[in-house]
Amino acid sequence: MSSTSPVPDRRPAAGAPGTPGALAALDALGRVALVHDWLTGMRGGEKCLDVLCELLPNAPLYTLVHVPGSVSPRIEARRIVTSFVQRLPNAAAGYRRYLPLFPAAVERFDLGAYDLVVSTSHCVAKGVIPAPHAQHVCYCHTPMRYVWDQFDAYFGPGRTGLPTRLAALACRGMLQRWDVRTASRVQTFIANSEHVRGRIRRYYGRDARVIHPPVDCAGFTPDPQSPGDYFLVVSAFAPYKRIDIAIDAARAAGVRLVIVGQGPDAARLERRALGSRVEFLPWQSGADLARLYAGCRALVFPGEEDFGISPVECMAAGRPVVALGRGGALETVRDGVTGLLVGSENPGEWAQALRTFDPARFDPALLRAHALQFDRAAYRAHMQDLLETTAATLVARLEPTPRPAPAPR
């Protein structure tokens, strides 16, 4: 692990308490640090991080593992401090197997030089140890889903081999206790959805402010032509995404399904799709993905997600969404207006939904207008406002105490 730089002068160079500029002043002094679970691809969590890097151009970034070139240029350009997990065998591709070591790895980061720590966490980033005087703001994508309510989606029968399942069972309790205990290291929780806000309250006993994650709506444009003949899935290949439901439904309905993504579940999903009209594509460039969105009949979104960025991207491209009526989709998809909500995970119900789906019922202009409320600019403004308020409090602490006026002679 790289060492931190010497502690700089803690007096603010610019800005005054309560006025715009406190955040920039702390950042310019090197008093702010970012923490992120891992940097191995540019997914939803990394898009949130990218905006924070724009707001905090000088903040170093602490992370468990970094695969160079896997994230945006803005993220890659800053000083990145990795944990000892980076040096373990096959860490770039197999870092998940080191899950029991993650708590110790994040706790070894030396954050003593920072007044403000901003973490983006879906695993262990929120468990870092800030300095006693510091404020820790955590943008929480979810409490660790694989040790709480979605354990079986990752480690249930048929998901992993018996040795992996037994190992996961053995460390589950330890990780749960650590996850709850370290919630006290956070002063301010931000949830990415009302759904996650409820999970934070349930597992940590804490409230959170909701700020939806950013969607770069400018990158997607409706196509005035009629949609193509395919349904679309855009997703990491993780068990809780339930891409298996989409595959089974497409087979039963006899419809064409294009699946864009990569991940540890790839081989299992490809075997499941044999003999069907399902096609797999790797992650696509921005322009190619935009064309796929704009040309699909609808996006298929079968998992219970914490928020879900791909449905909003698809709506920004003027196309509707067929989603499971649970979790974050309830906050982004309006049933019958911007898409269709399916009431269960039953593949037969999903097959019926795809078989009878009529994309002509949905207005592309309305879909795009709905998506714009989740635009990147909205996320940036909300995060800047919250962090500015926090920074102003910290700057007030750093202001030198006025000396008493000399007694008159």
Protein backbone atom coordinates (compact mmCIF):
# COMPACT_ATOMS: atom_id res chain seq x y z
CA MET A 1 0.00 0.00 0.00
CA SER A 2 1.27 3.43 -0.87
CA SER A 3 1.88 5.83 1.97
CA THR A 4 0.03 9.09 2.32
CA SER A 5 1.75 12.41 1.84
CA PRO A 6 2.86 14.51 4.84
CA VAL A 7 0.08 16.30 6.66
CA PRO A 8 -0.31 19.73 5.03
CA ASP A 9 -1.12 23.04 6.65
CA ARG A 10 -4.72 22.72 7.86
CA ARG A 11 -5.68 26.37 7.44
CA PRO A 12 -8.04 26.95 4.48
CA ALA A 13 -6.52 28.82 1.58
CA ALA A 14 -9.84 30.13 0.31
CA GLY A 15 -13.48 30.26 1.14
CA ALA A 16 -15.21 31.10 4.36
CA PRO A 17 -17.55 29.06 6.56
CA GLY A 18 -20.97 28.72 5.02
CA THR A 19 -20.00 30.19 1.65
CA PRO A 20 -19.45 28.36 -1.66
CA GLY A 21 -15.83 27.31 -1.96
CA ALA A 22 -15.31 25.45 1.31
CA LEU A 23 -15.23 22.12 -0.51
CA ALA A 24 -12.76 23.42 -3.09
CA ALA A 25 -10.60 24.85 -0.30
CA LEU A 26 -10.35 21.52 1.52
CA ASP A 27 -9.68 19.70 -1.72
CA ALA A 28 -6.95 22.17 -2.74
CA LEU A 29 -5.25 21.63 0.61
CA GLY A 30 -5.25 17.84 0.12
CA ARG A 31 -7.62 17.36 3.04
CA VAL A 32 -10.16 15.15 1.20
CA ALA A 33 -9.89 11.45 0.33
CA LEU A 34 -12.08 9.20 -1.82
CA VAL A 35 -12.62 5.50 -1.08
CA HIS A 36 -14.13 2.97 -3.52
CA ASP A 37 -14.41 -0.81 -3.22
CA TRP A 38 -12.52 -1.77 -6.40
CA LEU A 39 -11.69 -0.40 -9.84
CA THR A 40 -12.18 -3.22 -12.34
CA GLY A 41 -14.75 -1.80 -14.77
CA MET A 42 -16.89 1.21 -15.55
CA ARG A 43 -20.27 0.28 -14.11
CA GLY A 44 -22.89 2.25 -12.17
CA GLY A 45 -20.80 2.69 -9.04
CA GLU A 46 -17.85 3.96 -11.06
CA LYS A 47 -20.10 6.50 -12.83
CA CYS A 48 -20.98 7.89 -9.39
CA LEU A 49 -17.28 7.96 -8.53
CA ASP A 50 -16.43 9.73 -11.78
CA VAL A 51 -18.64 12.69 -10.81
CA LEU A 52 -17.04 12.82 -7.36
CA CYS A 53 -13.64 12.91 -9.05
CA GLU A 54 -14.87 15.91 -11.06
CA LEU A 55 -15.99 17.66 -7.86
CA LEU A 56 -12.76 16.74 -6.02
CA PRO A 57 -9.94 16.93 -8.58
CA ASN A 58 -7.12 16.69 -6.01
CA ALA A 59 -8.44 13.93 -3.74
CA PRO A 60 -6.45 10.67 -3.76
CA LEU A 61 -8.47 7.50 -4.27
CA TYR A 62 -8.15 4.46 -1.98
CA THR A 63 -9.36 1.12 -3.32
CA LEU A 64 -8.85 -2.61 -2.74
CA VAL A 65 -7.87 -3.49 -6.32
CA HIS A 66 -7.19 -1.45 -9.46
CA VAL A 67 -7.03 -2.87 -12.97
CA PRO A 68 -5.27 -0.10 -14.94
CA GLY A 69 -7.29 1.15 -17.90
CA SER A 70 -10.57 -0.32 -16.67
CA VAL A 71 -12.22 2.95 -15.61
CA SER A 72 -12.67 6.46 -16.99
CA PRO A 73 -9.69 8.73 -17.77
CA ARG A 74 -10.79 11.11 -15.00
CA ILE A 75 -10.53 8.32 -12.41
CA GLU A 76 -7.33 6.88 -13.87
CA ALA A 77 -5.60 10.27 -13.80
CA ARG A 78 -5.53 10.69 -10.02
CA ARG A 79 -3.30 9.15 -7.37
CA ILE A 80 -4.71 5.68 -6.66
CA VAL A 81 -3.71 3.86 -3.47
CA THR A 82 -4.41 0.12 -3.47
CA SER A 83 -4.53 -2.40 -0.62
CA PHE A 84 -2.49 -5.55 -0.05
CA VAL A 85 -5.19 -7.45 -2.00
CA GLN A 86 -3.68 -5.93 -5.17
CA ARG A 87 -0.55 -8.04 -4.62
CA LEU A 88 -2.30 -11.36 -4.02
CA PRO A 89 -2.29 -14.05 -6.76
CA ASN A 90 -4.68 -13.39 -9.66
CA ALA A 91 -6.17 -10.39 -7.85
CA ALA A 92 -7.19 -8.59 -11.06
CA ALA A 93 -9.60 -11.33 -12.14
CA GLY A 94 -10.17 -13.26 -8.93
CA TYR A 95 -10.33 -10.58 -6.25
CA ARG A 96 -13.79 -11.74 -5.10
CA ARG A 97 -12.31 -14.92 -3.63
CA TYR A 98 -10.48 -12.76 -1.10
CA LEU A 99 -13.73 -11.39 0.39
CA PRO A 100 -12.89 -12.51 3.98
CA LEU A 101 -9.73 -10.35 3.79
CA PHE A 102 -11.50 -7.19 2.61
CA PRO A 103 -12.29 -5.77 6.08
CA ALA A 104 -8.66 -5.99 7.16
CA ALA A 105 -7.55 -4.48 3.85
CA VAL A 106 -9.70 -1.33 4.09
CA GLU A 107 -8.91 -0.86 7.78
CA ARG A 108 -5.19 -0.65 6.95
CA PHE A 109 -5.61 2.46 4.82
CA ASP A 110 -3.99 5.40 6.60
CA LEU A 111 -6.51 8.25 6.38
CA GLY A 112 -5.12 10.31 9.24
CA ALA A 113 -4.23 13.24 6.95
CA TYR A 114 -7.81 13.93 5.85
CA ASP A 115 -10.62 16.04 7.30
CA LEU A 116 -13.24 14.71 4.85
CA VAL A 117 -13.53 11.11 3.64
CA VAL A 118 -16.06 10.34 0.90
CA SER A 119 -16.68 6.65 0.25
CA THR A 120 -18.80 4.97 -2.39
CA SER A 121 -19.61 1.53 -1.07
CA HIS A 122 -21.46 -1.64 -1.95
CA CYS A 123 -19.06 -3.91 -0.09
CA VAL A 124 -16.49 -2.71 2.49
CA ALA A 125 -15.45 0.84 1.51
CA LYS A 126 -17.68 2.33 4.20
CA GLY A 127 -15.63 0.47 6.84
CA VAL A 128 -12.46 2.56 6.50
CA ILE A 129 -11.16 4.23 9.66
CA PRO A 130 -11.12 8.03 9.34
CA ALA A 131 -9.19 10.32 11.65
CA PRO A 132 -11.07 11.15 14.88
CA HIS A 133 -11.61 14.75 13.77
CA ALA A 134 -12.78 13.82 10.25
CA GLN A 135 -16.24 13.65 8.69
CA HIS A 136 -17.06 10.49 6.72
CA VAL A 137 -19.77 10.75 4.06
CA CYS A 138 -20.76 7.38 2.53
CA TYR A 139 -22.65 7.08 -0.75
CA CYS A 140 -24.08 3.61 -0.16
CA HIS A 141 -25.15 1.61 -3.19
CA THR A 142 -26.28 -1.14 -0.81
CA PRO A 143 -25.19 -2.90 2.36
CA MET A 144 -23.23 -6.03 1.37
CA ARG A 145 -26.01 -7.90 -0.42
CA TYR A 146 -24.16 -11.23 -0.50
CA VAL A 147 -23.96 -11.50 3.28
CA TRP A 148 -27.48 -10.23 3.95
CA ASP A 149 -30.74 -10.94 2.10
CA GLN A 150 -29.23 -12.13 -1.20
CA PHE A 151 -26.82 -14.70 0.21
CA ASP A 152 -28.56 -17.60 -1.59
CA ALA A 153 -28.50 -15.74 -4.93
CA TYR A 154 -24.71 -15.91 -4.74
CA PHE A 155 -23.99 -19.06 -2.76
CA GLY A 156 -27.18 -21.14 -2.93
CA PRO A 157 -27.41 -24.67 -4.40
CA GLY A 158 -26.39 -24.66 -8.05
CA ARG A 159 -24.72 -21.24 -7.76
CA THR A 160 -21.34 -22.37 -6.47
CA GLY A 161 -19.54 -25.56 -5.54
CA LEU A 162 -19.96 -27.02 -2.06
CA PRO A 163 -16.51 -25.90 -0.80
CA THR A 164 -17.24 -22.27 -1.77
CA ARG A 165 -20.69 -22.40 -0.17
CA LEU A 166 -19.30 -23.83 3.07
CA ALA A 167 -16.56 -21.19 3.16
CA ALA A 168 -19.14 -18.45 2.59
CA LEU A 169 -21.33 -19.82 5.40
CA ALA A 170 -18.32 -19.93 7.71
CA CYS A 171 -17.46 -16.24 7.25
CA ARG A 172 -20.98 -14.83 6.78
CA GLY A 173 -21.59 -14.10 10.46
CA MET A 174 -18.21 -12.42 10.87
CA LEU A 175 -18.83 -10.18 7.87
CA GLN A 176 -22.33 -9.27 9.06
CA ARG A 177 -21.05 -8.26 12.50
CA TRP A 178 -18.22 -6.23 10.96
CA ASP A 179 -20.64 -4.55 8.53
CA VAL A 180 -22.96 -3.46 11.33
CA ARG A 181 -20.17 -2.39 13.69
CA THR A 182 -18.42 -0.21 11.13
CA ALA A 183 -21.57 1.73 10.24
CA SER A 184 -20.71 3.92 13.24
CA ARG A 185 -17.63 5.15 11.33
CA VAL A 186 -19.94 7.05 8.97
CA GLN A 187 -21.42 10.41 9.97
CA THR A 188 -23.63 10.83 6.88
CA PHE A 189 -25.17 8.06 4.80
CA ILE A 190 -26.49 8.73 1.30
CA ALA A 191 -28.60 5.99 -0.30
CA ASN A 192 -28.89 5.60 -4.05
CA SER A 193 -32.62 4.83 -3.78
CA GLU A 194 -35.49 4.61 -1.30
CA HIS A 195 -35.09 0.83 -1.55
CA VAL A 196 -31.50 1.05 -0.30
CA ARG A 197 -32.49 3.62 2.32
CA GLY A 198 -34.76 0.95 3.77
CA ARG A 199 -31.95 -1.62 3.75
CA ILE A 200 -29.60 0.82 5.53
CA ARG A 201 -32.26 1.38 8.19
CA ARG A 202 -32.91 -2.37 8.51
CA TYR A 203 -29.30 -3.54 8.82
CA TYR A 204 -27.48 -0.52 10.27
CA GLY A 205 -30.26 1.22 12.21
CA ARG A 206 -29.36 4.49 10.47
CA ASP A 207 -31.29 6.90 8.27
CA ALA A 208 -29.99 8.16 4.94
CA ARG A 209 -30.65 10.88 2.43
CA VAL A 210 -31.58 9.62 -1.05
CA ILE A 211 -29.65 10.90 -4.07
CA HIS A 212 -30.25 8.85 -7.19
CA PRO A 213 -27.10 7.89 -9.16
CA PRO A 214 -26.14 9.73 -12.35
CA VAL A 215 -27.29 8.78 -15.83
CA ASP A 216 -25.57 10.49 -18.75
CA CYS A 217 -28.78 11.11 -20.69
CA ALA A 218 -26.92 13.24 -23.27
CA GLY A 219 -25.30 10.06 -24.57
CA PHE A 220 -28.65 8.55 -25.66
CA THR A 221 -31.00 9.72 -28.40
CA PRO A 222 -34.37 8.30 -29.50
CA ASP A 223 -34.47 6.75 -32.97
CA PRO A 224 -37.45 7.97 -35.04
CA GLN A 225 -37.53 4.64 -36.88
CA SER A 226 -39.59 1.70 -35.69
CA PRO A 227 -37.80 -0.51 -33.15
CA GLY A 228 -35.95 -3.63 -34.20
CA ASP A 229 -37.02 -7.21 -33.53
CA TYR A 230 -35.04 -7.77 -30.32
CA PHE A 231 -35.38 -7.31 -26.60
CA LEU A 232 -32.29 -6.19 -24.73
CA VAL A 233 -30.47 -6.92 -21.46
CA VAL A 234 -27.55 -4.71 -20.36
CA SER A 235 -26.03 -6.07 -17.19
CA ALA A 236 -23.06 -7.44 -15.33
CA PHE A 237 -23.33 -11.23 -15.19
CA ALA A 238 -23.88 -11.62 -11.45
CA PRO A 239 -26.35 -14.06 -9.85
CA TYR A 240 -28.69 -11.47 -8.33
CA LYS A 241 -29.24 -9.88 -11.75
CA ARG A 242 -31.43 -12.93 -12.61
CA ILE A 243 -30.53 -12.92 -16.29
CA ASP A 244 -31.54 -16.59 -16.24
CA ILE A 245 -35.19 -15.44 -16.01
CA ALA A 246 -34.80 -13.33 -19.15
CA ILE A 247 -33.20 -16.25 -21.03
CA ASP A 248 -35.93 -18.72 -20.00
CA ALA A 249 -38.68 -16.22 -20.85
CA ALA A 250 -37.20 -15.44 -24.28
CA ARG A 251 -36.95 -19.15 -25.06
CA ALA A 252 -40.55 -19.81 -24.01
CA ALA A 253 -41.86 -16.75 -25.89
CA GLY A 254 -39.78 -17.49 -29.00
CA VAL A 255 -38.43 -13.93 -29.12
CA ARG A 256 -34.95 -12.63 -29.90
CA LEU A 257 -32.94 -11.42 -26.92
CA VAL A 258 -29.59 -9.60 -27.07
CA ILE A 259 -27.59 -9.67 -23.83
CA VAL A 260 -24.76 -7.14 -23.37
CA GLY A 261 -22.33 -7.62 -20.51
CA GLN A 262 -19.68 -9.73 -18.86
CA GLY A 263 -19.05 -11.29 -15.47
CA PRO A 264 -18.50 -14.45 -13.43
CA ASP A 265 -21.86 -15.97 -14.46
CA ALA A 266 -21.07 -15.88 -18.20
CA ALA A 267 -20.41 -19.58 -18.80
CA ARG A 268 -23.50 -20.69 -16.89
CA LEU A 269 -25.74 -18.25 -18.75
CA GLU A 270 -24.35 -19.19 -22.16
CA ARG A 271 -25.04 -22.86 -21.46
CA ARG A 272 -28.57 -22.01 -20.40
CA ALA A 273 -29.20 -20.12 -23.65
CA LEU A 274 -28.13 -22.93 -26.01
CA GLY A 275 -30.74 -23.58 -28.69
CA SER A 276 -32.61 -20.31 -28.13
CA ARG A 277 -32.70 -16.95 -29.94
CA VAL A 278 -30.44 -15.42 -27.33
CA GLU A 279 -27.23 -13.64 -28.41
CA PHE A 280 -24.39 -12.46 -26.16
CA LEU A 281 -22.28 -9.36 -26.75
CA PRO A 282 -19.41 -8.01 -24.62
CA TRP A 283 -19.60 -4.55 -23.09
CA GLN A 284 -20.17 -2.04 -25.89
CA SER A 285 -18.76 1.40 -26.56
CA GLY A 286 -20.99 4.36 -25.77
CA ALA A 287 -22.13 4.88 -29.34
CA ASP A 288 -22.78 1.18 -29.98
CA LEU A 289 -24.70 0.78 -26.73
CA ALA A 290 -26.79 3.86 -27.54
CA ARG A 291 -27.75 2.31 -30.89
CA LEU A 292 -28.71 -0.96 -29.21
CA TYR A 293 -30.92 0.87 -26.72
CA ALA A 294 -32.59 3.02 -29.39
CA GLY A 295 -33.33 0.00 -31.59
CA CYS A 296 -34.72 -2.46 -29.05
CA ARG A 297 -38.36 -3.30 -28.45
CA ALA A 298 -37.73 -2.91 -24.72
CA LEU A 299 -35.07 -3.42 -22.09
CA VAL A 300 -35.62 -6.54 -19.97
CA PHE A 301 -34.73 -5.98 -16.32
CA PRO A 302 -35.58 -9.12 -14.30
CA GLY A 303 -33.53 -8.68 -11.11
CA GLU A 304 -34.36 -6.89 -7.87
CA GLU A 305 -31.91 -4.01 -8.12
CA ASP A 306 -30.85 -1.38 -5.64
CA PHE A 307 -31.51 1.28 -8.30
CA GLY A 308 -30.67 0.22 -11.84
CA ILE A 309 -29.06 2.63 -14.30
CA SER A 310 -29.71 0.67 -17.50
CA PRO A 311 -33.53 1.22 -17.41
CA VAL A 312 -33.00 4.98 -17.22
CA GLU A 313 -30.45 4.86 -20.06
CA CYS A 314 -32.93 2.93 -22.18
CA MET A 315 -35.72 5.42 -21.45
CA ALA A 316 -33.34 8.26 -22.34
CA ALA A 317 -33.01 6.54 -25.73
CA GLY A 318 -36.79 6.58 -26.08
CA ARG A 319 -37.43 2.89 -25.43
CA PRO A 320 -39.58 1.30 -22.68
CA VAL A 321 -38.60 -1.20 -19.98
CA VAL A 322 -40.01 -4.54 -18.83
CA ALA A 323 -38.92 -4.79 -15.20
CA LEU A 324 -39.52 -6.78 -12.05
CA GLY A 325 -41.89 -4.78 -9.87
CA ARG A 326 -39.56 -4.65 -6.88
CA GLY A 327 -36.61 -2.63 -5.61
CA GLY A 328 -35.22 0.32 -7.48
CA ALA A 329 -37.37 -0.25 -10.58
CA LEU A 330 -40.36 1.02 -8.59
CA GLU A 331 -38.61 4.42 -8.48
CA THR A 332 -37.71 4.62 -12.17
CA VAL A 333 -40.37 2.71 -14.17
CA ARG A 334 -43.98 3.93 -14.27
CA ASP A 335 -46.15 0.93 -15.04
CA GLY A 336 -48.03 1.40 -18.30
CA VAL A 337 -46.37 4.80 -18.94
CA THR A 338 -42.62 4.18 -19.28
CA GLY A 339 -42.73 0.40 -19.25
CA LEU A 340 -44.28 -2.71 -17.78
CA LEU A 341 -43.79 -4.06 -14.25
CA VAL A 342 -43.92 -7.84 -13.89
CA GLY A 343 -45.22 -9.03 -10.54
CA SER A 344 -43.10 -12.14 -9.95
CA GLU A 345 -39.95 -13.99 -10.98
CA ASN A 346 -41.97 -16.73 -12.67
CA PRO A 347 -40.48 -17.24 -16.17
CA GLY A 348 -43.95 -18.08 -17.52
CA GLU A 349 -45.26 -14.67 -16.50
CA TRP A 350 -42.20 -13.05 -18.09
CA ALA A 351 -42.67 -15.06 -21.30
CA GLN A 352 -46.27 -13.86 -21.53
CA ALA A 353 -45.14 -10.26 -20.99
CA LEU A 354 -42.57 -10.49 -23.81
CA ARG A 355 -44.89 -12.36 -26.16
CA THR A 356 -47.63 -9.72 -25.92
CA PHE A 357 -45.49 -6.62 -25.47
CA ASP A 358 -46.44 -3.72 -27.78
CA PRO A 359 -43.73 -1.03 -27.99
CA ALA A 360 -46.05 1.24 -29.98
CA ARG A 361 -47.96 1.98 -26.75
CA PHE A 362 -45.07 4.06 -25.42
CA ASP A 363 -44.18 7.63 -26.42
CA PRO A 364 -40.40 8.08 -26.95
CA ALA A 365 -40.53 11.80 -26.06
CA LEU A 366 -42.30 11.07 -22.77
CA LEU A 367 -39.83 8.28 -21.99
CA ARG A 368 -36.88 10.61 -22.50
CA ALA A 369 -38.45 13.41 -20.46
CA HIS A 370 -38.98 10.96 -17.60
CA ALA A 371 -35.34 9.84 -17.75
CA LEU A 372 -33.98 13.40 -17.56
CA GLN A 373 -34.90 13.72 -13.88
CA PHE A 374 -32.09 11.22 -13.21
CA ASP A 375 -29.53 13.02 -15.37
CA ARG A 376 -25.88 13.33 -14.38
CA ALA A 377 -26.31 17.06 -13.73
CA ALA A 378 -28.93 16.40 -11.04
CA TYR A 379 -26.68 13.95 -9.20
CA ARG A 380 -23.73 16.34 -9.40
CA ALA A 381 -25.74 19.26 -8.03
CA HIS A 382 -27.17 17.27 -5.11
CA MET A 383 -23.79 15.78 -4.16
CA GLN A 384 -22.03 19.13 -4.41
CA ASP A 385 -24.64 20.75 -2.18
CA LEU A 386 -24.33 18.08 0.51
CA LEU A 387 -20.53 17.98 0.44
CA GLU A 388 -20.30 21.78 0.42
CA THR A 389 -22.37 21.94 3.61
CA THR A 390 -20.17 19.31 5.26
CA ALA A 391 -16.99 21.06 4.14
CA ALA A 392 -18.20 24.41 5.47
CA THR A 393 -18.53 22.86 8.93
CA LEU A 394 -15.01 21.50 8.71
CA VAL A 395 -13.56 24.78 7.46
CA ALA A 396 -15.16 26.54 10.41
CA ARG A 397 -13.20 24.23 12.72
CA LEU A 398 -9.97 25.01 10.88
CA GLU A 399 -10.34 28.79 11.08
CA PRO A 400 -7.72 30.17 13.46
CA THR A 401 -9.16 31.41 16.76
CA PRO A 402 -9.08 35.22 16.82
CA ARG A 403 -6.60 36.61 19.30
CA PRO A 404 -8.09 38.88 21.98
CA ALA A 405 -7.56 42.58 21.40
CA PRO A 406 -4.72 44.03 23.45
CA ALA A 407 -5.78 45.81 26.64
CA PRO A 408 -5.74 49.60 26.33
CA ARG A 409 -2.70 51.25 27.87
